[in-house]
Amino acid sequence: ITANGTSINTSGASAYGVFARSGSVVAGTGTNVNTSGATAYGVYAVEGSTITLQDASITTTGTTGYGVLSYGANSRVNLSNVAVSTASGPGVTAWGTTPTDNVQANLTGGSVRTSGVNVNGLYVNNAFASITANGTQVNTTGQGSNAARVIDGTLTGTNLTLLANGADAPALSLKGN
């Protein structure tokens, strides 16, 4: 599916903005995604799917509404000059469901802004999960809200800016075996 110059608005629990599964491929330029509602993710790639957005915006306002989630084996999200903003969910997440899942989120330019308690800007979870960010600015506000948190995965940054504002909120938090 290709969606250029498209506005996507959802409301309600689990009302995802862009959802790709089972090896699907979604692409868009100038796409604006807005979600509200509990667990209403902005962009969600699962089961080996790929989502690529350019010159776009993603905004979530619901409780635990991930901005971007790449989840499970071989899932990919590629963002170029995309502004991600969340009110109480992680900004961009690459999450492997098993220790061998190869999951990626790739960012070029753009920004990630989150607010709320324990809400990470960039979040990598599992050994073969990775986020690559080039020229991206990440800004979190809230207690325990890391600008970037990595658990057994990989974060590669070039000209990456990490800003964390709040008590117990490091800019970079690493945990691994």
N, C-alpha and C. Protein backbone atom coordinates (compact mmCIF):
# COMPACT_ATOMS: atom_id res chain seq x y z
N ILE A 1 0.86 -1.18 0.00
CA ILE A 1 0.00 0.00 0.00
C ILE A 1 0.89 1.23 0.00
N THR A 2 0.54 2.22 -0.80
CA THR A 2 1.22 3.50 -0.79
C THR A 2 0.20 4.57 -0.46
N ALA A 3 0.52 5.41 0.54
CA ALA A 3 -0.39 6.47 0.98
C ALA A 3 0.37 7.79 1.04
N ASN A 4 0.32 8.57 -0.04
CA ASN A 4 1.01 9.84 -0.09
C ASN A 4 0.04 10.99 0.18
N GLY A 5 0.49 11.98 0.98
CA GLY A 5 -0.34 13.14 1.27
C GLY A 5 -1.63 12.78 1.97
N THR A 6 -1.57 11.79 2.83
CA THR A 6 -2.76 11.25 3.49
C THR A 6 -2.79 11.64 4.96
N SER A 7 -3.98 11.96 5.47
CA SER A 7 -4.18 12.18 6.90
C SER A 7 -4.94 10.99 7.45
N ILE A 8 -4.42 10.43 8.54
CA ILE A 8 -5.04 9.27 9.18
C ILE A 8 -5.33 9.65 10.62
N ASN A 9 -6.59 9.56 11.02
CA ASN A 9 -7.02 9.91 12.38
C ASN A 9 -7.84 8.77 12.96
N THR A 10 -7.47 8.31 14.16
CA THR A 10 -8.24 7.26 14.82
C THR A 10 -8.52 7.67 16.26
N SER A 11 -9.58 7.09 16.83
CA SER A 11 -9.86 7.27 18.26
C SER A 11 -10.46 5.97 18.78
N GLY A 12 -10.13 5.67 20.02
CA GLY A 12 -10.62 4.45 20.64
C GLY A 12 -9.48 3.51 21.00
N ALA A 13 -9.77 2.59 21.88
CA ALA A 13 -8.76 1.64 22.35
C ALA A 13 -8.23 0.80 21.19
N SER A 14 -6.91 0.66 21.11
CA SER A 14 -6.22 -0.13 20.09
C SER A 14 -6.56 0.29 18.66
N ALA A 15 -6.91 1.53 18.46
CA ALA A 15 -7.21 2.05 17.12
C ALA A 15 -5.90 2.52 16.49
N TYR A 16 -5.19 1.61 15.82
CA TYR A 16 -3.88 1.90 15.24
C TYR A 16 -4.03 2.82 14.04
N GLY A 17 -3.03 3.71 13.86
CA GLY A 17 -3.04 4.59 12.70
C GLY A 17 -2.62 3.84 11.44
N VAL A 18 -1.40 3.31 11.42
CA VAL A 18 -0.89 2.51 10.30
C VAL A 18 -0.46 1.17 10.90
N PHE A 19 -1.06 0.08 10.41
CA PHE A 19 -0.80 -1.25 10.95
C PHE A 19 -0.47 -2.19 9.80
N ALA A 20 0.72 -2.81 9.85
CA ALA A 20 1.12 -3.77 8.83
C ALA A 20 1.48 -5.07 9.50
N ARG A 21 0.98 -6.18 8.93
CA ARG A 21 1.27 -7.50 9.49
C ARG A 21 1.43 -8.53 8.40
N SER A 22 1.96 -9.68 8.76
CA SER A 22 2.10 -10.82 7.86
C SER A 22 2.86 -10.49 6.58
N GLY A 23 3.99 -9.77 6.74
CA GLY A 23 4.84 -9.47 5.60
C GLY A 23 4.37 -8.32 4.72
N SER A 24 3.39 -7.56 5.15
CA SER A 24 2.88 -6.43 4.37
C SER A 24 3.93 -5.34 4.22
N VAL A 25 3.77 -4.52 3.18
CA VAL A 25 4.64 -3.38 2.96
C VAL A 25 3.77 -2.14 2.80
N VAL A 26 4.06 -1.10 3.61
CA VAL A 26 3.32 0.16 3.56
C VAL A 26 4.32 1.28 3.39
N ALA A 27 4.02 2.24 2.50
CA ALA A 27 4.90 3.38 2.29
C ALA A 27 4.06 4.64 2.17
N GLY A 28 4.65 5.77 2.59
CA GLY A 28 3.94 7.03 2.46
C GLY A 28 4.86 8.22 2.58
N THR A 29 4.53 9.27 1.82
CA THR A 29 5.22 10.54 1.90
C THR A 29 4.18 11.61 2.23
N GLY A 30 4.51 12.49 3.18
CA GLY A 30 3.58 13.54 3.57
C GLY A 30 2.37 13.02 4.31
N THR A 31 2.52 11.90 4.99
CA THR A 31 1.43 11.27 5.73
C THR A 31 1.40 11.80 7.15
N ASN A 32 0.21 12.18 7.63
CA ASN A 32 0.04 12.64 9.00
C ASN A 32 -0.85 11.66 9.74
N VAL A 33 -0.33 11.09 10.83
CA VAL A 33 -1.04 10.08 11.60
C VAL A 33 -1.32 10.64 12.99
N ASN A 34 -2.60 10.60 13.41
CA ASN A 34 -3.01 11.06 14.74
C ASN A 34 -3.90 10.00 15.36
N THR A 35 -3.52 9.52 16.56
CA THR A 35 -4.36 8.54 17.26
C THR A 35 -4.66 9.02 18.67
N SER A 36 -5.82 8.64 19.16
CA SER A 36 -6.17 8.88 20.56
C SER A 36 -6.92 7.65 21.06
N GLY A 37 -6.69 7.31 22.31
CA GLY A 37 -7.28 6.12 22.88
C GLY A 37 -6.20 5.24 23.46
N ALA A 38 -6.55 4.46 24.47
CA ALA A 38 -5.59 3.58 25.13
C ALA A 38 -4.99 2.61 24.11
N THR A 39 -3.69 2.44 24.14
CA THR A 39 -2.92 1.56 23.25
C THR A 39 -3.22 1.78 21.76
N ALA A 40 -3.55 3.00 21.39
CA ALA A 40 -3.75 3.34 19.98
C ALA A 40 -2.41 3.79 19.41
N TYR A 41 -1.67 2.83 18.82
CA TYR A 41 -0.33 3.10 18.31
C TYR A 41 -0.43 3.91 17.01
N GLY A 42 0.56 4.79 16.80
CA GLY A 42 0.59 5.56 15.57
C GLY A 42 0.98 4.69 14.38
N VAL A 43 2.12 4.01 14.48
CA VAL A 43 2.64 3.14 13.42
C VAL A 43 3.06 1.84 14.06
N TYR A 44 2.59 0.71 13.51
CA TYR A 44 2.80 -0.60 14.12
C TYR A 44 3.10 -1.64 13.04
N ALA A 45 4.35 -2.13 13.00
CA ALA A 45 4.76 -3.19 12.07
C ALA A 45 5.01 -4.45 12.86
N VAL A 46 4.41 -5.56 12.41
CA VAL A 46 4.53 -6.83 13.12
C VAL A 46 4.59 -7.98 12.11
N GLU A 47 5.11 -9.12 12.53
CA GLU A 47 5.13 -10.35 11.73
C GLU A 47 5.84 -10.17 10.38
N GLY A 48 7.03 -9.55 10.41
CA GLY A 48 7.84 -9.45 9.20
C GLY A 48 7.40 -8.38 8.22
N SER A 49 6.66 -7.39 8.68
CA SER A 49 6.19 -6.31 7.81
C SER A 49 7.16 -5.14 7.80
N THR A 50 7.00 -4.26 6.79
CA THR A 50 7.84 -3.07 6.67
C THR A 50 6.95 -1.85 6.44
N ILE A 51 7.20 -0.81 7.22
CA ILE A 51 6.52 0.48 7.05
C ILE A 51 7.60 1.53 6.81
N THR A 52 7.45 2.30 5.73
CA THR A 52 8.40 3.36 5.40
C THR A 52 7.64 4.66 5.23
N LEU A 53 8.00 5.68 6.02
CA LEU A 53 7.36 7.00 5.93
C LEU A 53 8.42 8.07 5.75
N GLN A 54 8.07 9.09 4.97
CA GLN A 54 8.97 10.20 4.71
C GLN A 54 8.20 11.51 4.82
N ASP A 55 8.87 12.53 5.38
CA ASP A 55 8.27 13.87 5.50
C ASP A 55 6.87 13.77 6.10
N ALA A 56 6.77 13.15 7.25
CA ALA A 56 5.48 12.83 7.86
C ALA A 56 5.46 13.24 9.33
N SER A 57 4.29 13.07 9.96
CA SER A 57 4.17 13.29 11.40
C SER A 57 3.31 12.17 12.00
N ILE A 58 3.66 11.81 13.25
CA ILE A 58 2.94 10.77 13.99
C ILE A 58 2.69 11.32 15.38
N THR A 59 1.42 11.40 15.79
CA THR A 59 1.07 11.92 17.11
C THR A 59 0.11 10.96 17.79
N THR A 60 0.44 10.56 19.03
CA THR A 60 -0.47 9.73 19.82
C THR A 60 -0.77 10.45 21.13
N THR A 61 -2.01 10.38 21.57
CA THR A 61 -2.40 11.06 22.82
C THR A 61 -3.03 10.12 23.84
N GLY A 62 -3.22 8.87 23.52
CA GLY A 62 -3.84 7.94 24.45
C GLY A 62 -2.84 7.28 25.38
N THR A 63 -3.34 6.72 26.47
CA THR A 63 -2.51 6.02 27.45
C THR A 63 -1.77 4.87 26.77
N THR A 64 -0.48 4.79 26.99
CA THR A 64 0.43 3.80 26.40
C THR A 64 0.29 3.70 24.88
N GLY A 65 0.02 4.81 24.25
CA GLY A 65 -0.04 4.85 22.79
C GLY A 65 1.36 5.01 22.21
N TYR A 66 1.97 3.90 21.79
CA TYR A 66 3.28 3.95 21.17
C TYR A 66 3.21 4.86 19.95
N GLY A 67 4.25 5.66 19.74
CA GLY A 67 4.32 6.42 18.50
C GLY A 67 4.61 5.48 17.34
N VAL A 68 5.69 4.70 17.48
CA VAL A 68 6.11 3.74 16.46
C VAL A 68 6.55 2.46 17.16
N LEU A 69 6.04 1.33 16.70
CA LEU A 69 6.44 0.04 17.26
C LEU A 69 6.74 -0.94 16.13
N SER A 70 8.00 -1.41 16.10
CA SER A 70 8.42 -2.49 15.22
C SER A 70 8.56 -3.70 16.12
N TYR A 71 7.74 -4.74 15.90
CA TYR A 71 7.59 -5.80 16.89
C TYR A 71 7.62 -7.17 16.22
N GLY A 72 8.48 -8.04 16.70
CA GLY A 72 8.50 -9.42 16.23
C GLY A 72 9.44 -9.62 15.05
N ALA A 73 9.68 -10.87 14.75
CA ALA A 73 10.70 -11.28 13.78
C ALA A 73 10.58 -10.56 12.44
N ASN A 74 11.71 -9.99 12.02
CA ASN A 74 11.88 -9.37 10.70
C ASN A 74 10.97 -8.17 10.43
N SER A 75 10.47 -7.53 11.45
CA SER A 75 9.66 -6.33 11.27
C SER A 75 10.58 -5.12 11.14
N ARG A 76 10.18 -4.17 10.29
CA ARG A 76 11.00 -2.98 10.02
C ARG A 76 10.13 -1.74 9.95
N VAL A 77 10.66 -0.64 10.50
CA VAL A 77 10.07 0.68 10.30
C VAL A 77 11.19 1.60 9.88
N ASN A 78 10.99 2.32 8.78
CA ASN A 78 11.97 3.27 8.26
C ASN A 78 11.32 4.64 8.21
N LEU A 79 11.95 5.61 8.90
CA LEU A 79 11.40 6.97 8.96
C LEU A 79 12.43 7.96 8.48
N SER A 80 12.04 8.84 7.57
CA SER A 80 12.93 9.89 7.09
C SER A 80 12.22 11.23 7.25
N ASN A 81 12.81 12.10 8.07
CA ASN A 81 12.23 13.42 8.36
C ASN A 81 10.80 13.32 8.88
N VAL A 82 10.64 12.50 9.90
CA VAL A 82 9.34 12.28 10.52
C VAL A 82 9.37 12.82 11.94
N ALA A 83 8.34 13.56 12.32
CA ALA A 83 8.18 14.07 13.69
C ALA A 83 7.24 13.14 14.44
N VAL A 84 7.75 12.53 15.52
CA VAL A 84 6.97 11.61 16.35
C VAL A 84 6.72 12.29 17.69
N SER A 85 5.47 12.32 18.14
CA SER A 85 5.12 12.94 19.42
C SER A 85 4.12 12.06 20.15
N THR A 86 4.41 11.75 21.42
CA THR A 86 3.49 10.94 22.22
C THR A 86 3.20 11.62 23.55
N ALA A 87 1.99 11.40 24.05
CA ALA A 87 1.60 11.99 25.34
C ALA A 87 1.86 11.06 26.51
N SER A 88 1.80 9.75 26.31
CA SER A 88 2.08 8.85 27.43
C SER A 88 2.55 7.47 26.98
N GLY A 89 3.10 7.39 25.78
CA GLY A 89 3.64 6.12 25.29
C GLY A 89 5.03 6.33 24.74
N PRO A 90 5.79 5.25 24.57
CA PRO A 90 7.14 5.36 24.01
C PRO A 90 7.11 5.98 22.62
N GLY A 91 8.21 6.66 22.27
CA GLY A 91 8.29 7.30 20.96
C GLY A 91 8.51 6.31 19.85
N VAL A 92 9.72 5.72 19.76
CA VAL A 92 10.05 4.73 18.72
C VAL A 92 10.63 3.51 19.42
N THR A 93 10.03 2.34 19.14
CA THR A 93 10.42 1.10 19.81
C THR A 93 10.72 0.00 18.80
N ALA A 94 11.83 -0.72 19.01
CA ALA A 94 12.14 -1.96 18.29
C ALA A 94 12.16 -3.06 19.35
N TRP A 95 11.24 -4.01 19.24
CA TRP A 95 11.05 -5.01 20.29
C TRP A 95 11.01 -6.41 19.69
N GLY A 96 12.01 -7.20 20.03
CA GLY A 96 12.03 -8.60 19.61
C GLY A 96 11.24 -9.44 20.60
N THR A 97 10.46 -10.38 20.07
CA THR A 97 9.63 -11.22 20.94
C THR A 97 10.35 -12.49 21.38
N THR A 98 11.42 -12.86 20.65
CA THR A 98 12.26 -13.99 21.05
C THR A 98 13.71 -13.53 21.00
N PRO A 99 14.63 -14.25 21.63
CA PRO A 99 16.03 -13.82 21.64
C PRO A 99 16.68 -13.75 20.25
N THR A 100 16.07 -14.33 19.22
CA THR A 100 16.67 -14.32 17.88
C THR A 100 15.93 -13.44 16.88
N ASP A 101 14.92 -12.71 17.30
CA ASP A 101 14.17 -11.84 16.38
C ASP A 101 15.05 -10.71 15.88
N ASN A 102 15.05 -10.51 14.57
CA ASN A 102 15.77 -9.40 13.94
C ASN A 102 14.73 -8.31 13.67
N VAL A 103 14.70 -7.30 14.54
CA VAL A 103 13.70 -6.23 14.47
C VAL A 103 14.43 -4.91 14.35
N GLN A 104 13.95 -4.02 13.45
CA GLN A 104 14.66 -2.76 13.23
C GLN A 104 13.71 -1.58 13.15
N ALA A 105 14.23 -0.44 13.63
CA ALA A 105 13.63 0.87 13.37
C ALA A 105 14.79 1.76 12.93
N ASN A 106 14.63 2.42 11.79
CA ASN A 106 15.67 3.26 11.22
C ASN A 106 15.14 4.68 11.06
N LEU A 107 15.86 5.66 11.62
CA LEU A 107 15.44 7.04 11.57
C LEU A 107 16.51 7.88 10.90
N THR A 108 16.10 8.74 9.98
CA THR A 108 17.00 9.71 9.37
C THR A 108 16.36 11.07 9.56
N GLY A 109 17.05 11.96 10.28
CA GLY A 109 16.48 13.27 10.56
C GLY A 109 15.27 13.13 11.46
N GLY A 110 14.43 14.14 11.45
CA GLY A 110 13.20 14.08 12.23
C GLY A 110 13.43 14.26 13.71
N SER A 111 12.37 14.03 14.47
CA SER A 111 12.42 14.22 15.92
C SER A 111 11.49 13.24 16.61
N VAL A 112 11.79 13.00 17.90
CA VAL A 112 10.95 12.17 18.76
C VAL A 112 10.76 12.94 20.05
N ARG A 113 9.49 13.20 20.41
CA ARG A 113 9.18 13.93 21.65
C ARG A 113 8.14 13.14 22.43
N THR A 114 8.46 12.87 23.71
CA THR A 114 7.51 12.15 24.56
C THR A 114 7.32 12.91 25.86
N SER A 115 6.16 12.70 26.48
CA SER A 115 5.92 13.24 27.82
C SER A 115 5.15 12.19 28.61
N GLY A 116 5.36 12.21 29.92
CA GLY A 116 4.71 11.24 30.79
C GLY A 116 5.73 10.54 31.68
N VAL A 117 5.24 9.76 32.61
CA VAL A 117 6.08 9.04 33.56
C VAL A 117 6.53 7.72 32.94
N ASN A 118 7.84 7.45 33.01
CA ASN A 118 8.43 6.20 32.49
C ASN A 118 8.12 5.98 31.01
N VAL A 119 8.26 7.03 30.22
CA VAL A 119 8.00 6.96 28.79
C VAL A 119 9.31 7.23 28.05
N ASN A 120 9.84 6.22 27.36
CA ASN A 120 11.12 6.34 26.67
C ASN A 120 10.95 6.96 25.29
N GLY A 121 11.95 7.75 24.89
CA GLY A 121 11.95 8.30 23.54
C GLY A 121 12.27 7.23 22.51
N LEU A 122 13.43 6.59 22.66
CA LEU A 122 13.84 5.45 21.85
C LEU A 122 13.95 4.26 22.78
N TYR A 123 13.41 3.10 22.37
CA TYR A 123 13.44 1.93 23.23
C TYR A 123 13.75 0.69 22.39
N VAL A 124 14.83 0.00 22.77
CA VAL A 124 15.26 -1.23 22.09
C VAL A 124 15.21 -2.36 23.11
N ASN A 125 14.52 -3.47 22.76
CA ASN A 125 14.40 -4.57 23.69
C ASN A 125 14.60 -5.90 22.95
N ASN A 126 15.67 -6.58 23.26
CA ASN A 126 16.02 -7.93 22.84
C ASN A 126 17.29 -7.92 22.00
N ALA A 127 17.99 -9.03 22.02
CA ALA A 127 19.35 -9.12 21.48
C ALA A 127 19.49 -8.69 20.03
N PHE A 128 18.57 -9.07 19.15
CA PHE A 128 18.70 -8.73 17.74
C PHE A 128 17.78 -7.57 17.34
N ALA A 129 17.29 -6.84 18.31
CA ALA A 129 16.50 -5.63 18.04
C ALA A 129 17.46 -4.45 17.93
N SER A 130 17.17 -3.52 17.00
CA SER A 130 18.06 -2.38 16.84
C SER A 130 17.32 -1.14 16.37
N ILE A 131 17.84 0.00 16.79
CA ILE A 131 17.42 1.29 16.27
C ILE A 131 18.67 1.99 15.76
N THR A 132 18.57 2.51 14.54
CA THR A 132 19.62 3.34 13.96
C THR A 132 19.03 4.73 13.75
N ALA A 133 19.70 5.74 14.30
CA ALA A 133 19.20 7.12 14.18
C ALA A 133 20.31 8.02 13.70
N ASN A 134 20.05 8.74 12.61
CA ASN A 134 21.03 9.63 12.01
C ASN A 134 20.44 11.03 11.92
N GLY A 135 21.01 11.96 12.71
CA GLY A 135 20.55 13.34 12.68
C GLY A 135 19.18 13.54 13.30
N THR A 136 18.83 12.71 14.25
CA THR A 136 17.52 12.76 14.91
C THR A 136 17.66 13.41 16.27
N GLN A 137 16.66 14.21 16.66
CA GLN A 137 16.64 14.81 17.99
C GLN A 137 15.55 14.14 18.82
N VAL A 138 15.94 13.67 20.02
CA VAL A 138 15.01 12.99 20.93
C VAL A 138 14.92 13.80 22.20
N ASN A 139 13.69 14.11 22.62
CA ASN A 139 13.46 14.93 23.81
C ASN A 139 12.32 14.31 24.61
N THR A 140 12.64 13.91 25.87
CA THR A 140 11.61 13.33 26.74
C THR A 140 11.40 14.24 27.95
N THR A 141 10.17 14.26 28.43
CA THR A 141 9.83 15.02 29.64
C THR A 141 9.02 14.12 30.55
N GLY A 142 9.49 13.93 31.78
CA GLY A 142 8.75 13.14 32.75
C GLY A 142 9.66 12.29 33.60
N GLN A 143 9.21 11.99 34.79
CA GLN A 143 9.98 11.17 35.73
C GLN A 143 10.25 9.79 35.12
N GLY A 144 11.52 9.37 35.17
CA GLY A 144 11.91 8.05 34.69
C GLY A 144 11.82 7.88 33.19
N SER A 145 11.69 8.97 32.46
CA SER A 145 11.55 8.89 31.00
C SER A 145 12.90 9.08 30.33
N ASN A 146 13.52 7.97 29.93
CA ASN A 146 14.83 7.99 29.28
C ASN A 146 14.70 8.51 27.85
N ALA A 147 15.66 9.29 27.41
CA ALA A 147 15.67 9.67 26.00
C ALA A 147 15.90 8.43 25.16
N ALA A 148 16.78 7.53 25.60
CA ALA A 148 17.00 6.25 24.92
C ALA A 148 17.26 5.17 25.95
N ARG A 149 16.57 4.04 25.80
CA ARG A 149 16.76 2.90 26.70
C ARG A 149 17.01 1.66 25.84
N VAL A 150 18.09 0.94 26.15
CA VAL A 150 18.47 -0.24 25.40
C VAL A 150 18.62 -1.41 26.37
N ILE A 151 17.87 -2.48 26.11
CA ILE A 151 17.97 -3.71 26.90
C ILE A 151 18.35 -4.84 25.95
N ASP A 152 19.60 -5.30 26.04
CA ASP A 152 20.12 -6.41 25.23
C ASP A 152 19.99 -6.18 23.73
N GLY A 153 19.91 -4.96 23.27
CA GLY A 153 19.81 -4.69 21.84
C GLY A 153 20.88 -3.72 21.41
N THR A 154 20.67 -3.06 20.27
CA THR A 154 21.66 -2.15 19.71
C THR A 154 21.03 -0.81 19.34
N LEU A 155 21.68 0.26 19.75
CA LEU A 155 21.33 1.61 19.32
C LEU A 155 22.56 2.18 18.63
N THR A 156 22.40 2.58 17.38
CA THR A 156 23.48 3.20 16.63
C THR A 156 23.05 4.62 16.30
N GLY A 157 23.82 5.60 16.76
CA GLY A 157 23.46 6.98 16.52
C GLY A 157 24.59 7.75 15.86
N THR A 158 24.24 8.56 14.87
CA THR A 158 25.15 9.49 14.23
C THR A 158 24.49 10.85 14.26
N ASN A 159 25.18 11.83 14.84
CA ASN A 159 24.57 13.15 15.02
C ASN A 159 23.21 13.06 15.70
N LEU A 160 23.13 12.17 16.68
CA LEU A 160 21.92 11.93 17.45
C LEU A 160 21.95 12.80 18.70
N THR A 161 20.87 13.52 18.96
CA THR A 161 20.76 14.35 20.16
C THR A 161 19.77 13.70 21.12
N LEU A 162 20.19 13.45 22.36
CA LEU A 162 19.34 12.85 23.39
C LEU A 162 19.18 13.83 24.54
N LEU A 163 17.95 14.27 24.81
CA LEU A 163 17.65 15.19 25.90
C LEU A 163 16.57 14.57 26.78
N ALA A 164 16.84 14.44 28.09
CA ALA A 164 15.87 13.89 29.02
C ALA A 164 15.63 14.90 30.13
N ASN A 165 14.37 15.24 30.38
CA ASN A 165 13.99 16.21 31.41
C ASN A 165 13.07 15.54 32.41
N GLY A 166 13.54 15.40 33.66
CA GLY A 166 12.73 14.80 34.70
C GLY A 166 13.59 14.05 35.69
N ALA A 167 13.05 13.84 36.88
CA ALA A 167 13.76 13.10 37.91
C ALA A 167 13.99 11.66 37.46
N ASP A 168 15.14 11.11 37.77
CA ASP A 168 15.48 9.72 37.43
C ASP A 168 15.30 9.44 35.94
N ALA A 169 15.67 10.39 35.11
CA ALA A 169 15.51 10.26 33.67
C ALA A 169 16.84 10.47 32.96
N PRO A 170 17.65 9.41 32.82
CA PRO A 170 18.91 9.57 32.10
C PRO A 170 18.68 9.74 30.60
N ALA A 171 19.61 10.41 29.95
CA ALA A 171 19.51 10.54 28.49
C ALA A 171 19.69 9.18 27.85
N LEU A 172 20.60 8.34 28.37
CA LEU A 172 20.86 7.02 27.80
C LEU A 172 20.93 5.99 28.92
N SER A 173 20.11 4.96 28.82
CA SER A 173 20.07 3.89 29.81
C SER A 173 20.37 2.57 29.10
N LEU A 174 21.40 1.86 29.58
CA LEU A 174 21.82 0.60 28.94
C LEU A 174 21.74 -0.55 29.94
N LYS A 175 21.22 -1.68 29.46
CA LYS A 175 21.19 -2.89 30.28
C LYS A 175 21.42 -4.06 29.35
N GLY A 176 22.38 -4.92 29.68
CA GLY A 176 22.65 -6.06 28.82
C GLY A 176 23.33 -7.17 29.56
N ASN A 177 23.45 -8.27 28.88
CA ASN A 177 24.11 -9.44 29.45
C ASN A 177 25.58 -9.40 29.18
